[in-house]
Amino acid sequence: MDELNFALGVREFKVNGGRTLSFNPSDEGFLELLYGLLAKLDDLVKERDEKAKKAGENWSKRFEYSRSCDERMRRAVDEVFGEGFSAQVFGAVRLTAAADGLSVVENLIWAVVEQMDEDLKANLARRSERVRYYTEKYRSRIAAAGGSPAP
């Protein structure tokens, strides 16, 4: 069987020296998943904080709400990045724990978004060159077939 190969744009990134993450940095569908994680985090943190406020000084309940929030967020992260991702990347650190001004899960998400932004800019810069190459390459064939070549 003949084989047809073409670029999918999938790149691999080692996350904090451990787990490998593979995705196409210009895939808006993947970006949508990341923004969905941010929304999920926001909802879970609000719910946790409301419950914690009602619990007052009952630290057992407050820790229970924090643990539940973390478990649910880990499941959501694993749905996007793959089974076991949270355990491998975050270890025992709660995903809502702060690091460098954001939660650790926000740090991951924004690091990925930054990479996506850089990659998209680089791809857009190469696009005109690639379109020009193929237009010039096939212009005469299109005209010979009676078609209208692109300008």
Protein backbone atom coordinates (compact mmCIF):
# COMPACT_ATOMS: atom_id res chain seq x y z
CA MET A 1 0.00 0.00 0.00
CA ASP A 2 1.23 3.49 -0.81
CA GLU A 3 1.70 5.90 2.01
CA LEU A 4 0.90 9.60 2.15
CA ASN A 5 2.70 11.64 4.77
CA PHE A 6 2.19 15.27 5.65
CA ALA A 7 2.88 17.59 8.55
CA LEU A 8 0.39 17.58 11.42
CA GLY A 9 2.30 20.15 13.42
CA VAL A 10 2.32 17.97 16.53
CA ARG A 11 5.20 18.82 18.81
CA GLU A 12 6.45 17.19 21.98
CA PHE A 13 7.32 19.08 25.14
CA LYS A 14 8.90 17.68 28.28
CA VAL A 15 6.96 19.08 31.24
CA ASN A 16 9.22 20.09 34.14
CA GLY A 17 11.76 17.50 33.05
CA GLY A 18 9.30 14.60 33.33
CA ARG A 19 6.15 13.71 31.41
CA THR A 20 6.04 14.35 27.66
CA LEU A 21 3.14 16.38 26.32
CA SER A 22 2.25 16.15 22.61
CA PHE A 23 -0.03 18.61 20.81
CA ASN A 24 -0.25 20.91 17.82
CA PRO A 25 0.43 24.39 19.24
CA SER A 26 -1.79 26.04 16.62
CA ASP A 27 -4.81 23.79 17.30
CA GLU A 28 -7.67 26.02 18.46
CA GLY A 29 -9.53 22.93 19.66
CA PHE A 30 -6.73 22.25 22.13
CA LEU A 31 -6.78 25.90 23.19
CA GLU A 32 -10.51 25.56 23.83
CA LEU A 33 -9.79 22.63 26.15
CA LEU A 34 -7.25 24.74 28.06
CA TYR A 35 -9.70 27.60 28.53
CA GLY A 36 -12.24 25.01 29.66
CA LEU A 37 -9.79 23.92 32.35
CA LEU A 38 -9.45 27.51 33.53
CA ALA A 39 -13.24 27.82 33.75
CA LYS A 40 -13.44 24.51 35.63
CA LEU A 41 -10.75 25.67 38.05
CA ASP A 42 -12.61 28.92 38.67
CA ASP A 43 -15.88 27.08 39.34
CA LEU A 44 -14.26 24.55 41.68
CA VAL A 45 -12.36 27.18 43.65
CA LYS A 46 -15.51 29.27 44.09
CA GLU A 47 -17.43 26.22 45.28
CA ARG A 48 -14.60 25.24 47.65
CA ASP A 49 -14.35 28.75 49.07
CA GLU A 50 -18.11 29.00 49.64
CA LYS A 51 -18.14 25.66 51.45
CA ALA A 52 -15.05 26.58 53.46
CA LYS A 53 -16.66 29.85 54.54
CA LYS A 54 -19.73 27.97 55.77
CA ALA A 55 -17.49 25.48 57.60
CA GLY A 56 -15.93 28.33 59.56
CA GLU A 57 -13.34 26.96 61.97
CA ASN A 58 -14.12 23.32 61.18
CA TRP A 59 -10.73 22.58 59.64
CA SER A 60 -11.59 18.97 58.97
CA LYS A 61 -14.40 20.10 56.64
CA ARG A 62 -12.22 22.79 55.04
CA PHE A 63 -9.51 20.24 54.24
CA GLU A 64 -12.16 17.86 52.90
CA TYR A 65 -13.40 20.57 50.49
CA SER A 66 -9.84 21.37 49.41
CA ARG A 67 -9.10 17.68 48.78
CA SER A 68 -12.33 17.26 46.81
CA CYS A 69 -11.56 20.32 44.68
CA ASP A 70 -8.08 18.97 43.96
CA GLU A 71 -9.33 15.50 43.04
CA ARG A 72 -11.95 16.90 40.65
CA MET A 73 -9.45 19.27 39.05
CA ARG A 74 -6.93 16.46 38.61
CA ARG A 75 -9.55 14.39 36.77
CA ALA A 76 -10.26 17.36 34.49
CA VAL A 77 -6.53 17.90 33.82
CA ASP A 78 -6.05 14.19 33.09
CA GLU A 79 -8.96 14.28 30.63
CA VAL A 80 -7.10 16.95 28.65
CA PHE A 81 -3.47 15.85 29.04
CA GLY A 82 -3.84 12.09 29.49
CA GLU A 83 -4.25 9.49 32.19
CA GLY A 84 -1.88 9.95 35.12
CA PHE A 85 -0.62 13.35 33.94
CA SER A 86 -1.49 15.13 37.19
CA ALA A 87 0.21 12.55 39.38
CA GLN A 88 3.37 12.58 37.27
CA VAL A 89 3.63 16.35 36.84
CA PHE A 90 2.25 17.73 40.11
CA GLY A 91 2.96 14.84 42.47
CA ALA A 92 1.35 15.49 45.86
CA VAL A 93 1.14 19.27 45.33
CA ARG A 94 -2.47 20.46 45.22
CA LEU A 95 -3.33 22.01 41.87
CA THR A 96 -4.63 25.15 43.57
CA ALA A 97 -1.36 25.65 45.48
CA ALA A 98 0.27 28.97 44.61
CA ALA A 99 3.59 29.26 42.79
CA ASP A 100 4.93 32.45 41.23
CA GLY A 101 1.63 34.28 41.73
CA LEU A 102 -0.70 31.71 40.15
CA SER A 103 -1.95 28.26 41.02
CA VAL A 104 0.33 25.49 39.78
CA VAL A 105 -2.29 24.33 37.28
CA GLU A 106 -2.63 27.89 35.95
CA ASN A 107 1.16 28.00 35.55
CA LEU A 108 0.96 24.88 33.39
CA ILE A 109 -1.96 26.16 31.31
CA TRP A 110 -0.42 29.59 30.67
CA ALA A 111 2.96 28.01 29.81
CA VAL A 112 1.19 25.94 27.15
CA VAL A 113 -0.79 28.95 25.89
CA GLU A 114 2.43 30.99 25.61
CA GLN A 115 3.99 28.21 23.54
CA MET A 116 0.90 28.09 21.34
CA ASP A 117 1.07 31.85 20.77
CA GLU A 118 4.74 31.72 19.76
CA ASP A 119 4.19 28.74 17.47
CA LEU A 120 1.17 30.32 15.78
CA LYS A 121 3.16 33.48 15.02
CA ALA A 122 5.97 31.41 13.51
CA ASN A 123 3.53 29.38 11.38
CA LEU A 124 1.74 32.47 10.12
CA ALA A 125 5.08 33.97 9.13
CA ARG A 126 5.90 30.83 7.08
CA ARG A 127 2.43 30.56 5.49
CA SER A 128 2.88 33.22 2.79
CA GLU A 129 6.17 31.67 1.71
CA ARG A 130 4.61 28.18 1.44
CA VAL A 131 1.52 29.40 -0.45
CA ARG A 132 3.73 31.31 -2.88
CA TYR A 133 5.90 28.23 -3.45
CA TYR A 134 2.96 25.95 -4.31
CA THR A 135 1.18 28.61 -6.37
CA GLU A 136 4.26 29.14 -8.50
CA LYS A 137 4.95 25.42 -8.76
CA TYR A 138 1.47 24.52 -10.01
CA ARG A 139 0.41 27.75 -11.79
CA SER A 140 1.32 26.47 -15.26
CA ARG A 141 -0.42 23.12 -14.68
CA ILE A 142 -3.60 24.84 -13.54
CA ALA A 143 -3.55 27.19 -16.56
CA ALA A 144 -2.87 24.28 -18.95
CA ALA A 145 -5.89 22.46 -17.54
CA GLY A 146 -8.06 25.48 -18.30
CA GLY A 147 -8.25 26.66 -14.73
CA SER A 148 -7.66 30.09 -13.38
CA PRO A 149 -4.33 30.27 -11.55
CA ALA A 150 -4.19 32.23 -8.34
CA PRO A 151 -2.54 35.64 -8.62
